[in-house]
Protein backbone atom coordinates (compact mmCIF):
# COMPACT_ATOMS: atom_id res chain seq x y z
CA MET A 1 52.73 -18.12 -0.96
CA ARG A 2 49.65 -17.82 -3.10
CA LEU A 3 47.76 -14.49 -3.28
CA ARG A 4 44.07 -14.39 -3.98
CA ARG A 5 43.01 -12.08 -6.75
CA THR A 6 39.29 -11.89 -5.88
CA GLN A 7 37.59 -11.36 -2.63
CA GLU A 8 35.36 -14.15 -1.39
CA ALA A 9 31.64 -13.59 -1.07
CA GLY A 10 30.54 -12.26 2.29
CA SER A 11 28.05 -13.81 4.62
CA PRO A 12 24.43 -14.35 3.55
CA PHE A 13 23.39 -11.48 5.82
CA PHE A 14 25.22 -9.15 3.43
CA TYR A 15 22.44 -9.79 0.87
CA LEU A 16 19.61 -9.81 3.41
CA ALA A 17 19.60 -6.05 4.11
CA PRO A 18 19.03 -4.87 0.49
CA GLY A 19 16.47 -7.61 -0.09
CA LEU A 20 14.58 -6.72 3.08
CA SER A 21 14.70 -3.05 2.19
CA THR A 22 13.25 -3.75 -1.25
CA VAL A 23 10.44 -5.88 0.17
CA LEU A 24 9.53 -3.25 2.79
CA CYS A 25 9.49 -0.49 0.15
CA LEU A 26 7.16 -2.60 -1.98
CA VAL A 27 4.84 -3.29 0.96
CA PHE A 28 4.66 0.39 1.93
CA PHE A 29 4.05 1.40 -1.69
CA LEU A 30 1.16 -1.05 -1.98
CA LEU A 31 -0.34 0.07 1.32
CA ILE A 32 -0.13 3.76 0.51
CA GLY A 33 -0.91 3.54 -3.20
CA GLY A 34 -3.64 0.94 -2.93
CA THR A 35 -7.29 1.84 -3.17
CA LEU A 36 -8.43 0.47 0.14
CA LEU A 37 -11.26 3.03 0.39
CA LEU A 38 -13.73 4.11 -2.22
CA GLN A 39 -13.51 7.73 -1.17
CA PRO A 40 -10.64 8.57 1.15
CA GLY A 41 -11.15 11.27 3.75
CA ILE A 42 -14.91 10.96 4.19
CA ALA A 43 -15.85 9.06 7.34
CA ILE A 44 -19.15 7.28 6.77
CA LYS A 45 -20.67 4.68 9.09
CA VAL A 46 -23.36 2.98 7.03
CA PRO A 47 -26.27 1.12 8.66
CA GLU A 48 -26.29 -2.67 8.92
CA SER A 49 -28.47 -4.92 6.78
CA PRO A 50 -28.72 -8.67 6.17
CA PHE A 51 -29.21 -8.17 2.41
CA LEU A 52 -26.35 -8.76 0.01
CA LEU A 53 -26.14 -7.45 -3.54
CA VAL A 54 -24.12 -8.60 -6.49
CA PRO A 55 -21.14 -6.41 -7.48
CA HIS A 56 -21.92 -3.69 -10.00
CA HIS A 57 -19.76 -2.70 -12.95
CA ASP A 58 -18.49 0.88 -12.88
CA PRO A 59 -20.84 2.31 -10.23
CA ARG A 60 -21.05 6.01 -9.39
CA VAL A 61 -20.68 6.62 -5.64
CA VAL A 62 -22.35 9.41 -3.68
CA SER A 63 -21.56 9.90 0.02
CA ILE A 64 -23.83 11.72 2.45
CA THR A 65 -22.31 12.76 5.76
CA GLY A 66 -24.26 13.02 8.98
CA SER A 67 -25.02 15.72 11.49
CA PRO A 68 -24.21 18.43 12.53
CA LEU A 69 -23.38 19.62 8.99
CA PRO A 70 -24.73 17.13 6.44
CA ALA A 71 -23.07 17.31 3.04
CA ILE A 72 -23.14 15.46 -0.30
CA TYR A 73 -19.86 14.25 -1.83
CA PHE A 74 -19.39 13.04 -5.40
CA ASP A 75 -15.94 12.16 -6.80
CA ASN A 76 -14.28 13.34 -3.56
CA GLN A 77 -15.77 16.82 -3.92
CA GLU A 78 -18.58 18.41 -1.99
CA VAL A 79 -21.52 19.24 -4.25
CA SER A 80 -24.97 20.70 -3.78
CA LEU A 81 -28.12 18.83 -4.71
CA GLU A 82 -28.48 20.88 -7.91
CA GLY A 83 -24.80 20.33 -8.75
CA LEU A 84 -25.25 16.58 -8.31
CA LYS A 85 -28.29 16.68 -10.57
CA LYS A 86 -26.32 18.46 -13.31
CA ILE A 87 -23.41 16.03 -13.02
CA LEU A 88 -25.66 12.96 -13.19
CA GLN A 89 -27.66 14.35 -16.13
CA SER A 90 -24.48 15.02 -18.09
CA SER A 91 -23.17 11.51 -17.44
CA GLU A 92 -23.12 9.39 -20.59
CA VAL A 93 -23.19 6.01 -18.85
CA LYS A 94 -26.33 5.39 -16.80
CA SER A 95 -25.22 2.50 -14.60
CA SER A 96 -25.83 2.15 -10.88
CA LEU A 97 -25.62 4.89 -8.27
CA ILE A 98 -24.42 3.67 -4.89
CA ILE A 99 -25.34 5.96 -2.00
CA LYS A 100 -23.18 5.70 1.12
CA ALA A 101 -25.21 7.55 3.74
CA ASP A 102 -24.04 7.94 7.33
CA GLN A 103 -26.34 6.61 10.04
CA GLN A 104 -26.77 10.19 11.28
CA ALA A 105 -27.58 11.61 7.81
CA PRO A 106 -30.93 13.36 7.51
CA TYR A 107 -33.53 11.11 5.92
CA ASP A 108 -35.01 13.85 3.77
CA LEU A 109 -31.60 14.58 2.21
CA LEU A 110 -31.17 10.87 1.50
CA VAL A 111 -34.57 10.71 -0.20
CA GLN A 112 -33.77 13.82 -2.27
CA VAL A 113 -30.49 12.28 -3.50
CA MET A 114 -32.27 9.01 -4.31
CA THR A 115 -34.95 10.90 -6.25
CA VAL A 116 -32.33 12.80 -8.24
CA GLY A 117 -30.57 9.52 -9.09
CA VAL A 118 -33.76 7.80 -10.23
CA ASN A 119 -34.87 10.84 -12.26
CA CYS A 120 -31.49 10.89 -14.03
CA GLY A 121 -31.88 7.23 -15.10
CA PHE A 122 -29.65 5.49 -12.56
CA THR A 123 -30.36 2.36 -10.55
CA VAL A 124 -30.09 3.55 -6.95
CA ILE A 125 -28.50 1.28 -4.34
CA LEU A 126 -28.01 2.03 -0.63
CA ALA A 127 -24.68 0.85 0.79
CA THR A 128 -24.89 -1.04 4.09
CA ASN A 129 -22.71 -3.19 6.31
CA ASP A 130 -23.26 -6.95 6.26
CA LEU A 131 -24.61 -8.28 9.57
CA SER A 132 -22.98 -11.70 9.09
CA ALA A 133 -19.48 -10.17 8.76
CA GLU A 134 -19.27 -9.41 12.48
């Protein structure tokens, strides 16, 4: 009688569970760690427009929420209009300023933020949804 010294390899399903676990962990990590939103936590529904713009390098993003309590957000923090002006004036790089304003945002607040951006030397761009994407 001949005794076997090593155990034979198991079925292919024996290697499927760790491989599947690794792939699922990678997928969840990419979904959670990915930057799918520019500013997470601020719900903004921008108006629709047929105009498309070229991508901008290193833009600064300002979000304006709508009624009943309109607010200005910059770098995921709520700021006042004067605070935004100080931040933009102290910025060394004067690139583009993208304003994501909710459809319900007050127009006068939007104009004030645009004026602050232009006065601080930024190119002001309003973010919109593309009509052809629907």
